[in-house]
Amino acid sequence: MFVKKSSHGRSESFTSKYRAGKSTSTSTSRSMKRSFREHAAGGHSSESRHGKHSSPLAEQNLTSAVVTICVGQDQRLFAAHEDVLSLSPFFAACCRGQFLQAHNKQISLPDERPEVLSSVLEYLYKGDYYPRLIHNKRRDTWLLEDDMMDIDGGDGKDAAYLHQEDGSIILKDTAMYCAAERYKLPELKRLALRKQGLQSGIHCSTILTSARYAYANTPETDSQLRAHYLALIIRSRSTFKRSGTMQMEMEKGGKVFFDLFVAMCNHMDDIATASPTLSRKT
């Protein structure tokens, strides 16, 4: 149920100066397996930027009924406790019988990706999902777990990406933010957004594909993930100006590029307002 690893090109990539932000969130729980028993094996704690908080199920007794979740076109099966799923209003409605099959307690999610649902369950049980946020004691800084593996001589970077059916690649944290929107988990949305702020070395095509995915899977009212990508592209405009991928993507069109145009215009207006000399010239 883990994402299959594959090589990911780094040409035309971003350096650390293009990171979207910083995060102070952390989770130190170990890598977990994908059965409900292993999900429930421990209640590790995590921190938010507002202070410490416990894992969602730290105080819960895992004795409720087990629900089977049938995911994707291949009908991959997952199992989770009903009280865990009910932390999500979406799944709580399912468990009350709105979508639940009465004879075997099964929820069907034919349009969901197994990798995403697995990480959602990991979050519900543990308060975080892989790659988690960990503290690098040698550098006294917070990193994503895959970055820590790279520093220690491993190769965990591919865990931060998801491969689409059409061969394109998106950031896993973008998919998790959109999943949190579907399952009505605001804390997961905040966590996924913070993690994206720690990503670096991302190929231009991945940024653009992820931005398109974000626009396709968030409501028009979303003011966080969409704004994150617009700001990232504007700050990294020198890289995108040299990107043939950017030109091809813009020729395809889409609302993301209209919003980008508006954001760029607003950015120029702000500069003109701050600089009377430039304002007179324009």
Protein backbone atom coordinates (compact mmCIF):
# COMPACT_ATOMS: atom_id res chain seq x y z
CA MET A 1 0.00 0.00 0.00
CA PHE A 2 3.05 2.21 -0.11
CA VAL A 3 3.71 4.29 -3.19
CA LYS A 4 6.01 2.44 -5.54
CA LYS A 5 9.39 4.07 -5.67
CA SER A 6 10.82 5.36 -8.91
CA SER A 7 13.48 7.80 -9.98
CA HIS A 8 12.45 11.45 -10.04
CA GLY A 9 14.32 13.98 -12.18
CA ARG A 10 15.87 16.98 -10.49
CA SER A 11 16.77 19.09 -13.53
CA GLU A 12 15.22 22.53 -13.56
CA SER A 13 14.50 22.09 -9.86
CA PHE A 14 13.99 24.52 -7.01
CA THR A 15 16.60 25.21 -4.38
CA SER A 16 15.84 25.71 -0.72
CA LYS A 17 15.36 29.45 -1.21
CA TYR A 18 12.08 28.68 -2.98
CA ARG A 19 10.52 26.91 0.00
CA ALA A 20 7.03 28.17 0.64
CA GLY A 21 7.41 28.51 4.38
CA LYS A 22 8.58 26.93 7.61
CA SER A 23 6.96 24.48 9.97
CA THR A 24 7.36 23.72 13.65
CA SER A 25 5.12 20.65 13.63
CA THR A 26 6.57 17.25 14.52
CA SER A 27 5.80 13.61 14.99
CA THR A 28 8.33 11.03 16.17
CA SER A 29 6.30 7.86 15.71
CA ARG A 30 7.89 5.05 13.73
CA SER A 31 6.90 3.95 10.29
CA MET A 32 3.65 2.02 10.56
CA LYS A 33 2.13 -0.90 8.69
CA ARG A 34 -1.19 -0.72 6.95
CA SER A 35 -3.53 -2.95 8.95
CA PHE A 36 -5.91 -1.52 11.51
CA ARG A 37 -4.22 -3.44 14.35
CA GLU A 38 -0.88 -1.85 13.58
CA HIS A 39 -2.47 1.55 13.13
CA ALA A 40 -3.85 1.21 16.66
CA ALA A 41 -0.67 -0.19 18.18
CA GLY A 42 0.45 3.05 19.80
CA GLY A 43 -0.61 6.57 20.63
CA HIS A 44 2.39 8.72 19.80
CA SER A 45 2.10 12.41 20.35
CA SER A 46 2.68 15.24 17.94
CA GLU A 47 2.96 19.02 18.17
CA SER A 48 1.17 21.77 16.34
CA ARG A 49 2.48 25.25 15.88
CA HIS A 50 0.17 26.32 18.71
CA GLY A 51 1.61 23.85 21.19
CA LYS A 52 1.52 20.20 22.10
CA HIS A 53 -1.49 18.04 21.46
CA SER A 54 -2.09 14.33 21.67
CA SER A 55 -2.82 11.91 18.90
CA PRO A 56 -6.54 11.94 17.95
CA LEU A 57 -7.15 8.54 19.55
CA ALA A 58 -4.87 8.86 22.57
CA GLU A 59 -7.85 8.91 24.94
CA GLN A 60 -10.06 6.49 23.01
CA ASN A 61 -10.70 2.84 23.71
CA LEU A 62 -10.34 0.89 20.47
CA THR A 63 -13.16 -1.54 21.08
CA SER A 64 -15.68 -0.36 18.49
CA ALA A 65 -16.73 -2.32 15.44
CA VAL A 66 -14.31 -2.79 12.58
CA VAL A 67 -15.36 -1.27 9.27
CA THR A 68 -14.02 -2.41 5.91
CA ILE A 69 -13.26 0.27 3.32
CA CYS A 70 -13.15 -0.74 -0.33
CA VAL A 71 -10.90 1.70 -2.20
CA GLY A 72 -10.26 2.44 -5.87
CA GLN A 73 -10.97 0.61 -9.08
CA ASP A 74 -8.95 -2.38 -7.85
CA GLN A 75 -11.13 -2.54 -4.71
CA ARG A 76 -8.26 -2.54 -2.25
CA LEU A 77 -9.53 -3.36 1.23
CA PHE A 78 -8.70 -1.42 4.40
CA ALA A 79 -10.00 -1.96 7.92
CA ALA A 80 -10.44 0.59 10.70
CA HIS A 81 -12.33 0.99 13.95
CA GLU A 82 -15.64 2.77 13.68
CA ASP A 83 -14.76 5.27 16.41
CA VAL A 84 -11.57 6.16 14.54
CA LEU A 85 -13.40 6.79 11.29
CA SER A 86 -16.03 8.83 13.09
CA LEU A 87 -13.39 11.47 13.86
CA SER A 88 -14.10 12.51 10.28
CA PRO A 89 -17.62 13.92 9.77
CA PHE A 90 -17.66 12.32 6.33
CA PHE A 91 -16.95 8.85 7.68
CA ALA A 92 -19.17 9.44 10.70
CA ALA A 93 -22.07 9.91 8.27
CA CYS A 94 -21.07 6.70 6.51
CA CYS A 95 -20.99 4.79 9.77
CA ARG A 96 -24.43 6.08 10.71
CA GLY A 97 -25.73 4.26 7.67
CA GLN A 98 -25.89 6.90 4.97
CA PHE A 99 -23.49 4.95 2.73
CA LEU A 100 -22.67 1.91 4.86
CA GLN A 101 -23.73 -1.52 3.62
CA ALA A 102 -25.74 -3.02 6.45
CA HIS A 103 -24.80 -6.66 5.90
CA ASN A 104 -21.01 -6.38 6.25
CA LYS A 105 -20.17 -2.85 7.44
CA GLN A 106 -18.37 -1.81 4.30
CA ILE A 107 -17.77 1.64 2.82
CA SER A 108 -17.02 1.95 -0.88
CA LEU A 109 -14.70 4.71 -2.15
CA PRO A 110 -14.22 3.87 -5.84
CA ASP A 111 -12.66 7.22 -6.71
CA GLU A 112 -10.13 7.33 -3.87
CA ARG A 113 -6.47 6.33 -4.14
CA PRO A 114 -5.29 3.57 -1.79
CA GLU A 115 -2.10 5.49 -0.95
CA VAL A 116 -4.12 8.51 0.10
CA LEU A 117 -6.69 6.61 2.16
CA SER A 118 -3.89 4.72 3.89
CA SER A 119 -2.28 8.01 4.94
CA VAL A 120 -5.62 9.42 6.07
CA LEU A 121 -6.08 6.41 8.36
CA GLU A 122 -2.51 6.82 9.60
CA TYR A 123 -3.31 10.40 10.52
CA LEU A 124 -6.55 9.44 12.30
CA TYR A 125 -4.70 6.87 14.42
CA LYS A 126 -1.38 8.62 14.94
CA GLY A 127 -1.89 12.34 14.40
CA ASP A 128 0.54 12.43 11.44
CA TYR A 129 1.30 10.57 8.22
CA TYR A 130 4.46 9.50 6.41
CA PRO A 131 6.76 11.23 5.68
CA ARG A 132 6.39 12.63 9.18
CA LEU A 133 7.99 15.71 10.69
CA ILE A 134 11.02 14.91 12.82
CA HIS A 135 13.73 16.82 14.64
CA ASN A 136 17.25 16.73 13.22
CA LYS A 137 19.33 16.98 16.38
CA ARG A 138 22.58 17.47 14.51
CA ARG A 139 21.24 20.55 12.75
CA ASP A 140 18.68 21.54 15.39
CA THR A 141 15.95 21.96 12.83
CA TRP A 142 12.71 20.33 11.76
CA LEU A 143 12.68 18.23 8.59
CA LEU A 144 10.38 15.89 6.77
CA GLU A 145 11.27 12.28 7.40
CA ASP A 146 12.33 11.69 3.78
CA ASP A 147 14.79 14.60 4.00
CA MET A 148 16.25 13.08 7.16
CA MET A 149 16.70 9.75 5.37
CA ASP A 150 18.61 11.51 2.58
CA ILE A 151 20.91 13.15 5.12
CA ASP A 152 21.58 9.80 6.78
CA GLY A 153 22.46 8.21 3.47
CA GLY A 154 19.08 6.70 2.59
CA ASP A 155 16.71 7.45 -0.23
CA GLY A 156 13.24 8.29 1.01
CA LYS A 157 12.48 11.27 -1.23
CA ASP A 158 10.03 9.46 -3.48
CA ALA A 159 7.65 9.00 -0.53
CA ALA A 160 6.74 12.68 -0.90
CA TYR A 161 5.31 12.12 -4.39
CA LEU A 162 2.34 10.33 -5.92
CA HIS A 163 2.37 8.96 -9.45
CA GLN A 164 -0.78 9.63 -11.47
CA GLU A 165 -2.31 7.25 -13.99
CA ASP A 166 -1.30 9.54 -16.85
CA GLY A 167 2.35 9.34 -15.77
CA SER A 168 2.48 12.76 -14.13
CA ILE A 169 3.66 13.32 -10.58
CA ILE A 170 2.07 15.37 -7.80
CA LEU A 171 3.13 16.18 -4.27
CA LYS A 172 1.62 13.79 -1.75
CA ASP A 173 0.93 16.66 0.65
CA THR A 174 -1.22 18.32 -2.00
CA ALA A 175 -3.26 15.12 -2.36
CA MET A 176 -3.55 14.91 1.43
CA TYR A 177 -4.81 18.48 1.70
CA CYS A 178 -7.48 17.73 -0.89
CA ALA A 179 -8.40 14.49 0.92
CA ALA A 180 -8.73 16.43 4.17
CA GLU A 181 -11.13 18.75 2.34
CA ARG A 182 -13.24 15.77 1.23
CA TYR A 183 -13.27 14.11 4.64
CA LYS A 184 -13.76 17.37 6.57
CA LEU A 185 -10.55 17.20 8.60
CA PRO A 186 -9.35 20.81 9.07
CA GLU A 187 -6.35 19.88 11.22
CA LEU A 188 -5.12 17.51 8.52
CA LYS A 189 -5.44 20.34 6.00
CA ARG A 190 -3.24 22.54 8.16
CA LEU A 191 -0.71 19.76 8.63
CA ALA A 192 -0.50 19.02 4.91
CA LEU A 193 -0.09 22.71 4.10
CA ARG A 194 2.72 23.11 6.64
CA LYS A 195 4.53 20.09 5.24
CA GLN A 196 4.44 21.55 1.75
CA GLY A 197 6.32 24.53 3.13
CA LEU A 198 9.29 22.26 3.86
CA GLN A 199 9.53 20.78 0.38
CA SER A 200 12.49 21.71 -1.82
CA GLY A 201 14.17 20.43 -4.97
CA ILE A 202 10.83 20.05 -6.73
CA HIS A 203 10.73 19.84 -10.52
CA CYS A 204 8.82 22.62 -12.29
CA SER A 205 6.47 20.15 -13.96
CA THR A 206 5.58 18.65 -10.56
CA ILE A 207 4.78 22.09 -9.17
CA LEU A 208 2.47 22.85 -12.09
CA THR A 209 0.81 19.42 -12.09
CA SER A 210 0.24 19.69 -8.34
CA ALA A 211 -1.22 23.18 -8.77
CA ARG A 212 -3.65 21.86 -11.36
CA TYR A 213 -4.59 18.98 -9.05
CA ALA A 214 -5.16 21.45 -6.21
CA TYR A 215 -7.48 23.55 -8.35
CA ALA A 216 -9.38 20.49 -9.55
CA ASN A 217 -9.91 19.12 -6.02
CA THR A 218 -10.59 22.17 -3.87
CA PRO A 219 -13.62 24.48 -3.84
CA GLU A 220 -13.54 27.93 -5.40
CA THR A 221 -13.52 29.36 -1.88
CA ASP A 222 -10.19 27.73 -0.97
CA SER A 223 -7.77 30.46 0.04
CA GLN A 224 -4.87 28.38 1.33
CA LEU A 225 -3.58 25.68 -1.00
CA ARG A 226 -4.36 27.63 -4.17
CA ALA A 227 -2.70 30.74 -2.75
CA HIS A 228 0.29 28.61 -1.72
CA TYR A 229 0.94 27.62 -5.33
CA LEU A 230 0.36 31.10 -6.73
CA ALA A 231 2.82 32.58 -4.23
CA LEU A 232 5.35 29.83 -4.91
CA ILE A 233 5.28 30.40 -8.67
CA ILE A 234 5.54 34.18 -8.28
CA ARG A 235 8.51 33.93 -5.90
CA SER A 236 10.16 31.41 -8.21
CA ARG A 237 9.36 33.29 -11.41
CA SER A 238 12.99 33.40 -12.56
CA THR A 239 13.02 29.61 -12.69
CA PHE A 240 9.63 29.35 -14.36
CA LYS A 241 10.59 31.92 -17.01
CA ARG A 242 13.20 29.46 -18.27
CA SER A 243 10.86 26.48 -18.08
CA GLY A 244 9.56 25.01 -21.31
CA THR A 245 7.08 23.10 -19.18
CA MET A 246 5.60 26.38 -17.96
CA GLN A 247 5.01 27.51 -21.53
CA MET A 248 3.29 24.26 -22.47
CA GLU A 249 1.12 24.36 -19.35
CA MET A 250 0.08 27.95 -19.97
CA GLU A 251 -0.92 27.08 -23.53
CA LYS A 252 -3.30 24.50 -22.07
CA GLY A 253 -4.94 27.24 -20.04
CA GLY A 254 -7.10 26.80 -16.97
CA LYS A 255 -8.21 28.89 -14.02
CA VAL A 256 -4.91 28.45 -12.23
CA PHE A 257 -3.23 30.64 -14.82
CA PHE A 258 -5.96 33.29 -14.73
CA ASP A 259 -5.53 33.47 -10.95
CA LEU A 260 -1.77 33.61 -11.46
CA PHE A 261 -2.18 36.56 -13.84
CA VAL A 262 -4.38 38.38 -11.31
CA ALA A 263 -1.92 37.64 -8.51
CA MET A 264 0.99 38.91 -10.61
CA CYS A 265 -0.94 42.10 -11.40
CA ASN A 266 -1.67 42.61 -7.71
CA HIS A 267 1.98 41.99 -6.94
CA MET A 268 3.02 44.67 -9.45
CA ASP A 269 0.40 47.07 -8.02
CA ASP A 270 1.86 46.56 -4.55
CA ILE A 271 5.33 47.32 -5.84
CA ALA A 272 4.11 50.42 -7.67
CA THR A 273 2.31 51.65 -4.55
CA ALA A 274 5.44 51.15 -2.46
CA SER A 275 7.61 52.92 -5.04
CA PRO A 276 6.30 56.35 -6.17
CA THR A 277 9.09 56.57 -8.78
CA LEU A 278 8.08 53.29 -10.41
CA SER A 279 4.43 54.34 -10.23
CA ARG A 280 5.16 57.53 -12.21
CA LYS A 281 7.05 55.56 -14.85
CA THR A 282 4.18 53.09 -15.36
